Amino acid sequence: MKARHTDRFASIMLWLGALVIVGLLVAFLALILVRGLPYLNPDFFNGPDGVRGQLFNSFYLLALSLAFSLPVGLGAGIYLAEYAPKNKLTDLIRLSTESLATVPSIVFGLFGMIIFVNKLGLGFTILGGSATLALLNLPILVRVTEESLRAVPRSYREASLALGATMWQTLRKVILPTALPGLITGITLVAGRALGETAILIFTAGMNVSRIPFDVNPLAAGETLAVHLFAAKSNPLPGTNADQIADGTAALLIIMVIVFNLFLTIPSRWLQYRLLGKNRE
């Protein structure tokens, strides 16, 4: 009886803790959206001080950073999980990856400024910002990929190899589809972090936006929405309503992150269903 009461008490406390966390998150999101949604009108995007350029730069930088980091990060994670031997060198690589994941983003920003802005002479560019973001994303992608693949039961590999499949076929047809939810979660995490990153981009991509609409020149300056939000609150331009700009930009950032998460999560679930051939219930 005592054990039953203890179990019930623990369950109630866990549920209360979960509800409090979810409630705080909902209240936080609701506050931002309520304050910012009224300002999201066509003039907010296309007006003289509109954020159309910053909105485009946010996705452009995100796409370039993922293009740089995904092949390396996923490839390194697959190698460490499936092919790397167990030795001191492999342990050192894992330790280095975990250490890089804890480095503050401003350190990456200073590193990117030294290399891309100063040493290579690129100045404040989208290319420098996306390359530095890729460096920020790599440790997380490597670790998430490795852990997702290691979570796949070993019996899946053994059954596939026993049926005559090669290691590459096993990896492509069995392991990766099974690990897909974890991989998508990792990509979503790094993408959300990149969308909201400020410190790195201030030092590498700058705080200016091109006058050309939808400028895809990687050597142009690339102020993003997160940097624009920082600039609006820390150094508002004369004659502008900094609070309205900041509230609208914050609401737009929240909407972007939610939509991007849904854009990745829903297709991944459908793709996992198709690849694994799950039965419809």
C-alpha atoms as a PDB file:
ATOM      1  CA  MET A   1       0.000   0.000   0.000  1.00  0.00           C
ATOM      2  CA  LYS A   2       2.801   2.378   0.889  1.00  0.00           C
ATOM      3  CA  ALA A   3       4.549   1.647  -2.410  1.00  0.00           C
ATOM      4  CA  ARG A   4       1.311   2.346  -4.292  1.00  0.00           C
ATOM      5  CA  HIS A   5       0.870   5.723  -2.571  1.00  0.00           C
ATOM      6  CA  THR A   6       4.502   6.598  -3.259  1.00  0.00           C
ATOM      7  CA  ASP A   7       4.090   5.695  -6.915  1.00  0.00           C
ATOM      8  CA  ARG A   8       0.911   7.753  -7.197  1.00  0.00           C
ATOM      9  CA  PHE A   9       2.540  10.739  -5.480  1.00  0.00           C
ATOM     10  CA  ALA A  10       5.550  10.541  -7.802  1.00  0.00           C
ATOM     11  CA  SER A  11       3.292  10.319 -10.859  1.00  0.00           C
ATOM     12  CA  ILE A  12       1.290  13.363  -9.739  1.00  0.00           C
ATOM     13  CA  MET A  13       4.461  15.373  -9.150  1.00  0.00           C
ATOM     14  CA  LEU A  14       5.849  14.444 -12.566  1.00  0.00           C
ATOM     15  CA  TRP A  15       2.592  15.410 -14.260  1.00  0.00           C
ATOM     16  CA  LEU A  16       2.512  18.694 -12.370  1.00  0.00           C
ATOM     17  CA  GLY A  17       6.084  19.441 -13.368  1.00  0.00           C
ATOM     18  CA  ALA A  18       5.296  18.671 -16.992  1.00  0.00           C
ATOM     19  CA  LEU A  19       2.166  20.823 -16.940  1.00  0.00           C
ATOM     20  CA  VAL A  20       4.053  23.738 -15.380  1.00  0.00           C
ATOM     21  CA  ILE A  21       6.767  23.577 -18.048  1.00  0.00           C
ATOM     22  CA  VAL A  22       4.232  23.323 -20.871  1.00  0.00           C
ATOM     23  CA  GLY A  23       2.187  26.133 -19.330  1.00  0.00           C
ATOM     24  CA  LEU A  24       5.216  28.419 -19.117  1.00  0.00           C
ATOM     25  CA  LEU A  25       6.103  27.634 -22.731  1.00  0.00           C
ATOM     26  CA  VAL A  26       2.561  28.312 -23.947  1.00  0.00           C
ATOM     27  CA  ALA A  27       2.377  31.551 -21.938  1.00  0.00           C
ATOM     28  CA  PHE A  28       5.739  32.671 -23.322  1.00  0.00           C
ATOM     29  CA  LEU A  29       4.727  31.944 -26.924  1.00  0.00           C
ATOM     30  CA  ALA A  30       1.300  33.523 -26.454  1.00  0.00           C
ATOM     31  CA  LEU A  31       2.834  36.711 -25.037  1.00  0.00           C
ATOM     32  CA  ILE A  32       5.198  37.080 -27.993  1.00  0.00           C
ATOM     33  CA  LEU A  33       2.528  36.328 -30.585  1.00  0.00           C
ATOM     34  CA  VAL A  34      -0.120  38.566 -29.000  1.00  0.00           C
ATOM     35  CA  ARG A  35       2.286  41.484 -28.887  1.00  0.00           C
ATOM     36  CA  GLY A  36       3.756  40.939 -32.345  1.00  0.00           C
ATOM     37  CA  LEU A  37       1.028  39.580 -34.627  1.00  0.00           C
ATOM     38  CA  PRO A  38      -0.828  42.916 -34.992  1.00  0.00           C
ATOM     39  CA  TYR A  39       2.271  44.423 -36.646  1.00  0.00           C
ATOM     40  CA  LEU A  40       2.690  41.669 -39.251  1.00  0.00           C
ATOM     41  CA  ASN A  41       1.162  43.464 -42.230  1.00  0.00           C
ATOM     42  CA  PRO A  42       2.397  44.042 -45.800  1.00  0.00           C
ATOM     43  CA  ASP A  43       4.108  47.290 -44.802  1.00  0.00           C
ATOM     44  CA  PHE A  44       6.085  45.425 -42.133  1.00  0.00           C
ATOM     45  CA  PHE A  45       7.620  43.303 -44.893  1.00  0.00           C
ATOM     46  CA  ASN A  46       7.755  45.651 -47.881  1.00  0.00           C
ATOM     47  CA  GLY A  47       7.895  49.116 -46.309  1.00  0.00           C
ATOM     48  CA  PRO A  48      10.982  51.368 -46.169  1.00  0.00           C
ATOM     49  CA  ASP A  49      12.058  49.640 -42.950  1.00  0.00           C
ATOM     50  CA  GLY A  50      10.538  46.282 -43.876  1.00  0.00           C
ATOM     51  CA  VAL A  51      12.089  42.941 -43.004  1.00  0.00           C
ATOM     52  CA  ARG A  52      11.741  41.258 -46.388  1.00  0.00           C
ATOM     53  CA  GLY A  53      15.499  41.206 -46.887  1.00  0.00           C
ATOM     54  CA  GLN A  54      16.176  39.951 -43.365  1.00  0.00           C
ATOM     55  CA  LEU A  55      13.564  37.213 -43.786  1.00  0.00           C
ATOM     56  CA  PHE A  56      15.169  36.038 -47.014  1.00  0.00           C
ATOM     57  CA  ASN A  57      18.655  36.170 -45.508  1.00  0.00           C
ATOM     58  CA  SER A  58      17.546  34.048 -42.555  1.00  0.00           C
ATOM     59  CA  PHE A  59      16.489  31.172 -44.792  1.00  0.00           C
ATOM     60  CA  TYR A  60      19.348  31.689 -47.235  1.00  0.00           C
ATOM     61  CA  LEU A  61      21.943  31.508 -44.464  1.00  0.00           C
ATOM     62  CA  LEU A  62      20.168  28.492 -42.981  1.00  0.00           C
ATOM     63  CA  ALA A  63      20.163  26.672 -46.321  1.00  0.00           C
ATOM     64  CA  LEU A  64      23.844  27.369 -46.969  1.00  0.00           C
ATOM     65  CA  SER A  65      24.891  26.380 -43.453  1.00  0.00           C
ATOM     66  CA  LEU A  66      22.987  23.089 -43.710  1.00  0.00           C
ATOM     67  CA  ALA A  67      24.480  22.472 -47.163  1.00  0.00           C
ATOM     68  CA  PHE A  68      27.935  22.849 -45.619  1.00  0.00           C
ATOM     69  CA  SER A  69      27.342  20.943 -42.380  1.00  0.00           C
ATOM     70  CA  LEU A  70      24.931  18.101 -43.229  1.00  0.00           C
ATOM     71  CA  PRO A  71      27.228  16.054 -45.518  1.00  0.00           C
ATOM     72  CA  VAL A  72      30.158  16.325 -43.109  1.00  0.00           C
ATOM     73  CA  GLY A  73      28.148  15.933 -39.911  1.00  0.00           C
ATOM     74  CA  LEU A  74      26.040  12.995 -41.086  1.00  0.00           C
ATOM     75  CA  GLY A  75      29.025  11.341 -42.747  1.00  0.00           C
ATOM     76  CA  ALA A  76      31.175  11.646 -39.637  1.00  0.00           C
ATOM     77  CA  GLY A  77      28.362  10.340 -37.425  1.00  0.00           C
ATOM     78  CA  ILE A  78      27.793   7.348 -39.702  1.00  0.00           C
ATOM     79  CA  TYR A  79      31.510   6.587 -39.731  1.00  0.00           C
ATOM     80  CA  LEU A  80      31.812   6.754 -35.945  1.00  0.00           C
ATOM     81  CA  ALA A  81      28.725   4.590 -35.406  1.00  0.00           C
ATOM     82  CA  GLU A  82      29.213   1.942 -38.086  1.00  0.00           C
ATOM     83  CA  TYR A  83      32.792   1.850 -39.331  1.00  0.00           C
ATOM     84  CA  ALA A  84      35.204   3.411 -36.823  1.00  0.00           C
ATOM     85  CA  PRO A  85      37.350   0.973 -34.831  1.00  0.00           C
ATOM     86  CA  LYS A  86      37.380   1.144 -31.059  1.00  0.00           C
ATOM     87  CA  ASN A  87      40.714   2.780 -30.272  1.00  0.00           C
ATOM     88  CA  LYS A  88      42.168   5.850 -28.620  1.00  0.00           C
ATOM     89  CA  LEU A  89      41.944   7.934 -31.801  1.00  0.00           C
ATOM     90  CA  THR A  90      38.196   7.329 -32.070  1.00  0.00           C
ATOM     91  CA  ASP A  91      37.758   8.179 -28.396  1.00  0.00           C
ATOM     92  CA  LEU A  92      39.734  11.388 -28.940  1.00  0.00           C
ATOM     93  CA  ILE A  93      37.492  12.337 -31.876  1.00  0.00           C
ATOM     94  CA  ARG A  94      34.377  11.806 -29.765  1.00  0.00           C
ATOM     95  CA  LEU A  95      35.840  13.796 -26.894  1.00  0.00           C
ATOM     96  CA  SER A  96      36.769  16.629 -29.242  1.00  0.00           C
ATOM     97  CA  THR A  97      33.286  16.640 -30.761  1.00  0.00           C
ATOM     98  CA  GLU A  98      31.629  16.799 -27.356  1.00  0.00           C
ATOM     99  CA  SER A  99      33.985  19.591 -26.289  1.00  0.00           C
ATOM    100  CA  LEU A 100      33.193  21.637 -29.398  1.00  0.00           C
ATOM    101  CA  ALA A 101      29.476  21.285 -28.705  1.00  0.00           C
ATOM    102  CA  THR A 102      29.941  23.182 -25.427  1.00  0.00           C
ATOM    103  CA  VAL A 103      31.853  26.125 -26.909  1.00  0.00           C
ATOM    104  CA  PRO A 104      29.831  29.399 -26.670  1.00  0.00           C
ATOM    105  CA  SER A 105      28.577  30.687 -29.987  1.00  0.00           C
ATOM    106  CA  ILE A 106      30.370  34.011 -29.547  1.00  0.00           C
ATOM    107  CA  VAL A 107      33.692  32.129 -29.652  1.00  0.00           C
ATOM    108  CA  PHE A 108      32.703  30.671 -33.024  1.00  0.00           C
ATOM    109  CA  GLY A 109      31.721  34.178 -34.090  1.00  0.00           C
ATOM    110  CA  LEU A 110      35.131  35.597 -33.179  1.00  0.00           C
ATOM    111  CA  PHE A 111      36.829  32.669 -34.913  1.00  0.00           C
ATOM    112  CA  GLY A 112      34.758  33.256 -38.039  1.00  0.00           C
ATOM    113  CA  MET A 113      35.560  36.963 -37.974  1.00  0.00           C
ATOM    114  CA  ILE A 114      39.297  36.262 -37.737  1.00  0.00           C
ATOM    115  CA  ILE A 115      39.285  33.680 -40.531  1.00  0.00           C
ATOM    116  CA  PHE A 116      36.626  34.804 -43.002  1.00  0.00           C
ATOM    117  CA  VAL A 117      36.362  38.534 -42.384  1.00  0.00           C
ATOM    118  CA  ASN A 118      40.008  39.403 -41.686  1.00  0.00           C
ATOM    119  CA  LYS A 119      42.355  36.661 -42.939  1.00  0.00           C
ATOM    120  CA  LEU A 120      40.482  35.832 -46.143  1.00  0.00           C
ATOM    121  CA  GLY A 121      39.381  39.430 -46.626  1.00  0.00           C
ATOM    122  CA  LEU A 122      35.749  38.574 -47.366  1.00  0.00           C
ATOM    123  CA  GLY A 123      34.319  41.205 -45.044  1.00  0.00           C
ATOM    124  CA  PHE A 124      30.838  40.767 -43.633  1.00  0.00           C
ATOM    125  CA  THR A 125      29.247  38.263 -45.991  1.00  0.00           C
ATOM    126  CA  ILE A 126      26.550  35.621 -46.122  1.00  0.00           C
ATOM    127  CA  LEU A 127      29.228  33.086 -47.080  1.00  0.00           C
ATOM    128  CA  GLY A 128      31.282  33.769 -43.965  1.00  0.00           C
ATOM    129  CA  GLY A 129      28.213  33.678 -41.744  1.00  0.00           C
ATOM    130  CA  SER A 130      26.909  30.398 -43.157  1.00  0.00           C
ATOM    131  CA  ALA A 131      30.342  28.739 -42.974  1.00  0.00           C
ATOM    132  CA  THR A 132      30.679  29.751 -39.322  1.00  0.00           C
ATOM    133  CA  LEU A 133      27.158  28.512 -38.584  1.00  0.00           C
ATOM    134  CA  ALA A 134      28.144  25.210 -40.167  1.00  0.00           C
ATOM    135  CA  LEU A 135      31.035  24.942 -37.705  1.00  0.00           C
ATOM    136  CA  LEU A 136      28.577  25.566 -34.876  1.00  0.00           C
ATOM    137  CA  ASN A 137      26.232  22.859 -36.152  1.00  0.00           C
ATOM    138  CA  LEU A 138      28.812  20.152 -36.856  1.00  0.00           C
ATOM    139  CA  PRO A 139      29.389  18.823 -33.302  1.00  0.00           C
ATOM    140  CA  ILE A 140      25.667  18.470 -32.636  1.00  0.00           C
ATOM    141  CA  LEU A 141      25.027  16.770 -35.977  1.00  0.00           C
ATOM    142  CA  VAL A 142      27.873  14.309 -35.456  1.00  0.00           C
ATOM    143  CA  ARG A 143      26.736  13.303 -31.972  1.00  0.00           C
ATOM    144  CA  VAL A 144      23.027  13.111 -32.837  1.00  0.00           C
ATOM    145  CA  THR A 145      23.755  11.025 -35.929  1.00  0.00           C
ATOM    146  CA  GLU A 146      25.995   8.618 -34.042  1.00  0.00           C
ATOM    147  CA  GLU A 147      23.549   8.188 -31.152  1.00  0.00           C
ATOM    148  CA  SER A 148      20.570   7.743 -33.508  1.00  0.00           C
ATOM    149  CA  LEU A 149      22.340   4.988 -35.427  1.00  0.00           C
ATOM    150  CA  ARG A 150      23.539   3.267 -32.252  1.00  0.00           C
ATOM    151  CA  ALA A 151      19.933   3.212 -30.994  1.00  0.00           C
ATOM    152  CA  VAL A 152      18.954   0.920 -33.877  1.00  0.00           C
ATOM    153  CA  PRO A 153      18.878  -2.682 -32.528  1.00  0.00           C
ATOM    154  CA  ARG A 154      21.876  -4.744 -33.579  1.00  0.00           C
ATOM    155  CA  SER A 155      19.533  -7.548 -34.625  1.00  0.00           C
ATOM    156  CA  TYR A 156      18.383  -5.375 -37.559  1.00  0.00           C
ATOM    157  CA  ARG A 157      21.922  -5.279 -38.910  1.00  0.00           C
ATOM    158  CA  GLU A 158      22.485  -8.986 -38.340  1.00  0.00           C
ATOM    159  CA  ALA A 159      19.229  -9.960 -40.043  1.00  0.00           C
ATOM    160  CA  SER A 160      19.965  -7.793 -43.080  1.00  0.00           C
ATOM    161  CA  LEU A 161      23.528  -9.069 -43.450  1.00  0.00           C
ATOM    162  CA  ALA A 162      22.350 -12.650 -42.968  1.00  0.00           C
ATOM    163  CA  LEU A 163      20.000 -12.243 -45.942  1.00  0.00           C
ATOM    164  CA  GLY A 164      22.958 -11.346 -48.152  1.00  0.00           C
ATOM    165  CA  ALA A 165      22.777  -7.544 -48.096  1.00  0.00           C
ATOM    166  CA  THR A 166      25.987  -5.564 -48.167  1.00  0.00           C
ATOM    167  CA  MET A 167      26.893  -3.144 -45.393  1.00  0.00           C
ATOM    168  CA  TRP A 168      25.975  -0.189 -47.631  1.00  0.00           C
ATOM    169  CA  GLN A 169      22.592  -1.743 -48.473  1.00  0.00           C
ATOM    170  CA  THR A 170      21.977  -2.429 -44.789  1.00  0.00           C
ATOM    171  CA  LEU A 171      22.872   1.128 -43.916  1.00  0.00           C
ATOM    172  CA  ARG A 172      20.723   2.643 -46.659  1.00  0.00           C
ATOM    173  CA  LYS A 173      17.695   0.352 -46.478  1.00  0.00           C
ATOM    174  CA  VAL A 174      17.521  -0.602 -42.795  1.00  0.00           C
ATOM    175  CA  ILE A 175      19.590   1.513 -40.420  1.00  0.00           C
ATOM    176  CA  LEU A 176      19.015   5.023 -41.785  1.00  0.00           C
ATOM    177  CA  PRO A 177      15.216   4.643 -42.197  1.00  0.00           C
ATOM    178  CA  THR A 178      14.954   3.321 -38.645  1.00  0.00           C
ATOM    179  CA  ALA A 179      17.104   6.145 -37.281  1.00  0.00           C
ATOM    180  CA  LEU A 180      15.326   8.789 -39.362  1.00  0.00           C
ATOM    181  CA  PRO A 181      13.263  10.346 -36.509  1.00  0.00           C
ATOM    182  CA  GLY A 182      16.401  10.922 -34.457  1.00  0.00           C
ATOM    183  CA  LEU A 183      18.236  12.380 -37.441  1.00  0.00           C
ATOM    184  CA  ILE A 184      15.354  14.726 -38.217  1.00  0.00           C
ATOM    185  CA  THR A 185      15.293  15.806 -34.577  1.00  0.00           C
ATOM    186  CA  GLY A 186      18.980  16.685 -34.758  1.00  0.00           C
ATOM    187  CA  ILE A 187      18.551  18.619 -37.993  1.00  0.00           C
ATOM    188  CA  THR A 188      15.586  20.466 -36.512  1.00  0.00           C
ATOM    189  CA  LEU A 189      17.625  21.412 -33.446  1.00  0.00           C
ATOM    190  CA  VAL A 190      20.525  22.830 -35.425  1.00  0.00           C
ATOM    191  CA  ALA A 191      18.165  24.578 -37.843  1.00  0.00           C
ATOM    192  CA  GLY A 192      16.240  26.240 -35.032  1.00  0.00           C
ATOM    193  CA  ARG A 193      19.500  27.270 -33.397  1.00  0.00           C
ATOM    194  CA  ALA A 194      20.746  28.729 -36.681  1.00  0.00           C
ATOM    195  CA  LEU A 195      17.527  30.693 -37.230  1.00  0.00           C
ATOM    196  CA  GLY A 196      17.837  32.310 -33.820  1.00  0.00           C
ATOM    197  CA  GLU A 197      21.617  32.776 -33.802  1.00  0.00           C
ATOM    198  CA  THR A 198      22.843  36.333 -33.272  1.00  0.00           C
ATOM    199  CA  ALA A 199      26.386  36.449 -31.886  1.00  0.00           C
ATOM    200  CA  ILE A 200      27.980  34.552 -34.775  1.00  0.00           C
ATOM    201  CA  LEU A 201      26.241  36.539 -37.485  1.00  0.00           C
ATOM    202  CA  ILE A 202      26.995  39.949 -35.992  1.00  0.00           C
ATOM    203  CA  PHE A 203      30.713  39.186 -36.336  1.00  0.00           C
ATOM    204  CA  THR A 204      30.589  37.424 -39.714  1.00  0.00           C
ATOM    205  CA  ALA A 205      27.485  38.370 -41.748  1.00  0.00           C
ATOM    206  CA  GLY A 206      27.155  41.918 -40.502  1.00  0.00           C
ATOM    207  CA  MET A 207      24.203  44.109 -39.608  1.00  0.00           C
ATOM    208  CA  ASN A 208      23.354  45.381 -43.086  1.00  0.00           C
ATOM    209  CA  VAL A 209      21.037  44.041 -45.736  1.00  0.00           C
ATOM    210  CA  SER A 210      21.416  44.196 -49.512  1.00  0.00           C
ATOM    211  CA  ARG A 211      19.305  46.740 -51.375  1.00  0.00           C
ATOM    212  CA  ILE A 212      18.654  44.145 -54.086  1.00  0.00           C
ATOM    213  CA  PRO A 213      15.489  42.118 -53.337  1.00  0.00           C
ATOM    214  CA  PHE A 214      16.212  38.413 -52.769  1.00  0.00           C
ATOM    215  CA  ASP A 215      19.923  38.900 -53.364  1.00  0.00           C
ATOM    216  CA  VAL A 216      21.562  35.457 -53.645  1.00  0.00           C
ATOM    217  CA  ASN A 217      25.090  36.845 -53.866  1.00  0.00           C
ATOM    218  CA  PRO A 218      26.963  34.967 -51.096  1.00  0.00           C
ATOM    219  CA  LEU A 219      29.423  37.852 -50.805  1.00  0.00           C
ATOM    220  CA  ALA A 220      26.711  40.352 -49.858  1.00  0.00           C
ATOM    221  CA  ALA A 221      26.063  41.373 -46.265  1.00  0.00           C
ATOM    222  CA  GLY A 222      23.398  39.237 -44.600  1.00  0.00           C
ATOM    223  CA  GLU A 223      21.524  40.678 -41.648  1.00  0.00           C
ATOM    224  CA  THR A 224      18.979  38.136 -40.424  1.00  0.00           C
ATOM    225  CA  LEU A 225      15.788  38.535 -38.423  1.00  0.00           C
ATOM    226  CA  ALA A 226      17.522  37.626 -35.158  1.00  0.00           C
ATOM    227  CA  VAL A 227      20.236  40.224 -35.749  1.00  0.00           C
ATOM    228  CA  HIS A 228      17.583  42.735 -36.806  1.00  0.00           C
ATOM    229  CA  LEU A 229      15.750  42.120 -33.539  1.00  0.00           C
ATOM    230  CA  PHE A 230      18.971  42.701 -31.602  1.00  0.00           C
ATOM    231  CA  ALA A 231      19.686  45.903 -33.525  1.00  0.00           C
ATOM    232  CA  ALA A 232      16.144  47.209 -33.071  1.00  0.00           C
ATOM    233  CA  LYS A 233      16.371  46.934 -29.286  1.00  0.00           C
ATOM    234  CA  SER A 234      20.028  47.821 -28.726  1.00  0.00           C
ATOM    235  CA  ASN A 235      20.514  50.582 -31.307  1.00  0.00           C
ATOM    236  CA  PRO A 236      17.144  51.774 -32.658  1.00  0.00           C
ATOM    237  CA  LEU A 237      17.136  54.086 -35.640  1.00  0.00           C
ATOM    238  CA  PRO A 238      15.805  57.616 -35.073  1.00  0.00           C
ATOM    239  CA  GLY A 239      12.201  58.057 -36.116  1.00  0.00           C
ATOM    240  CA  THR A 240      11.326  54.365 -35.821  1.00  0.00           C
ATOM    241  CA  ASN A 241       9.230  52.571 -33.249  1.00  0.00           C
ATOM    242  CA  ALA A 242      11.757  50.083 -31.900  1.00  0.00           C
ATOM    243  CA  ASP A 243       9.218  48.261 -29.748  1.00  0.00           C
ATOM    244  CA  GLN A 244       6.876  47.572 -32.652  1.00  0.00           C
ATOM    245  CA  ILE A 245       9.740  46.404 -34.860  1.00  0.00           C
ATOM    246  CA  ALA A 246      11.088  44.153 -32.110  1.00  0.00           C
ATOM    247  CA  ASP A 247       7.667  42.677 -31.233  1.00  0.00           C
ATOM    248  CA  GLY A 248       6.814  41.991 -34.877  1.00  0.00           C
ATOM    249  CA  THR A 249      10.221  40.467 -35.577  1.00  0.00           C
ATOM    250  CA  ALA A 250      10.033  38.244 -32.496  1.00  0.00           C
ATOM    251  CA  ALA A 251       6.586  36.971 -33.497  1.00  0.00           C
ATOM    252  CA  LEU A 252       7.804  36.310 -37.036  1.00  0.00           C
ATOM    253  CA  LEU A 253      10.784  34.350 -35.704  1.00  0.00           C
ATOM    254  CA  ILE A 254       8.521  32.181 -33.558  1.00  0.00           C
ATOM    255  CA  ILE A 255       6.236  31.470 -36.514  1.00  0.00           C
ATOM    256  CA  MET A 256       9.254  30.633 -38.687  1.00  0.00           C
ATOM    257  CA  VAL A 257      10.607  28.113 -36.191  1.00  0.00           C
ATOM    258  CA  ILE A 258       7.210  26.435 -35.711  1.00  0.00           C
ATOM    259  CA  VAL A 259       6.554  26.193 -39.451  1.00  0.00           C
ATOM    260  CA  PHE A 260      10.068  24.908 -40.116  1.00  0.00           C
ATOM    261  CA  ASN A 261       9.710  22.218 -37.448  1.00  0.00           C
ATOM    262  CA  LEU A 262       6.418  21.074 -38.945  1.00  0.00           C
ATOM    263  CA  PHE A 263       7.928  21.202 -42.431  1.00  0.00           C
ATOM    264  CA  LEU A 264      10.623  18.744 -41.340  1.00  0.00           C
ATOM    265  CA  THR A 265       8.690  16.564 -38.901  1.00  0.00           C
ATOM    266  CA  ILE A 266       5.571  15.724 -40.927  1.00  0.00           C
ATOM    267  CA  PRO A 267       7.376  14.573 -44.117  1.00  0.00           C
ATOM    268  CA  SER A 268       9.880  12.598 -42.022  1.00  0.00           C
ATOM    269  CA  ARG A 269       7.071  10.651 -40.357  1.00  0.00           C
ATOM    270  CA  TRP A 270       5.514   9.927 -43.746  1.00  0.00           C
ATOM    271  CA  LEU A 271       8.868   8.887 -45.194  1.00  0.00           C
ATOM    272  CA  GLN A 272       9.571   6.609 -42.238  1.00  0.00           C
ATOM    273  CA  TYR A 273       6.180   4.988 -42.715  1.00  0.00           C
ATOM    274  CA  ARG A 274       6.891   4.374 -46.409  1.00  0.00           C
ATOM    275  CA  LEU A 275      10.432   3.079 -45.910  1.00  0.00           C
ATOM    276  CA  LEU A 276       9.668   0.765 -43.007  1.00  0.00           C
ATOM    277  CA  GLY A 277       6.346  -0.410 -44.440  1.00  0.00           C
ATOM    278  CA  LYS A 278       4.402   0.015 -41.214  1.00  0.00           C
ATOM    279  CA  ASN A 279       0.882  -1.290 -41.110  1.00  0.00           C
ATOM    280  CA  ARG A 280      -1.927   1.173 -40.966  1.00  0.00           C
ATOM    281  CA  GLU A 281      -3.903   0.785 -37.790  1.00  0.00           C
END
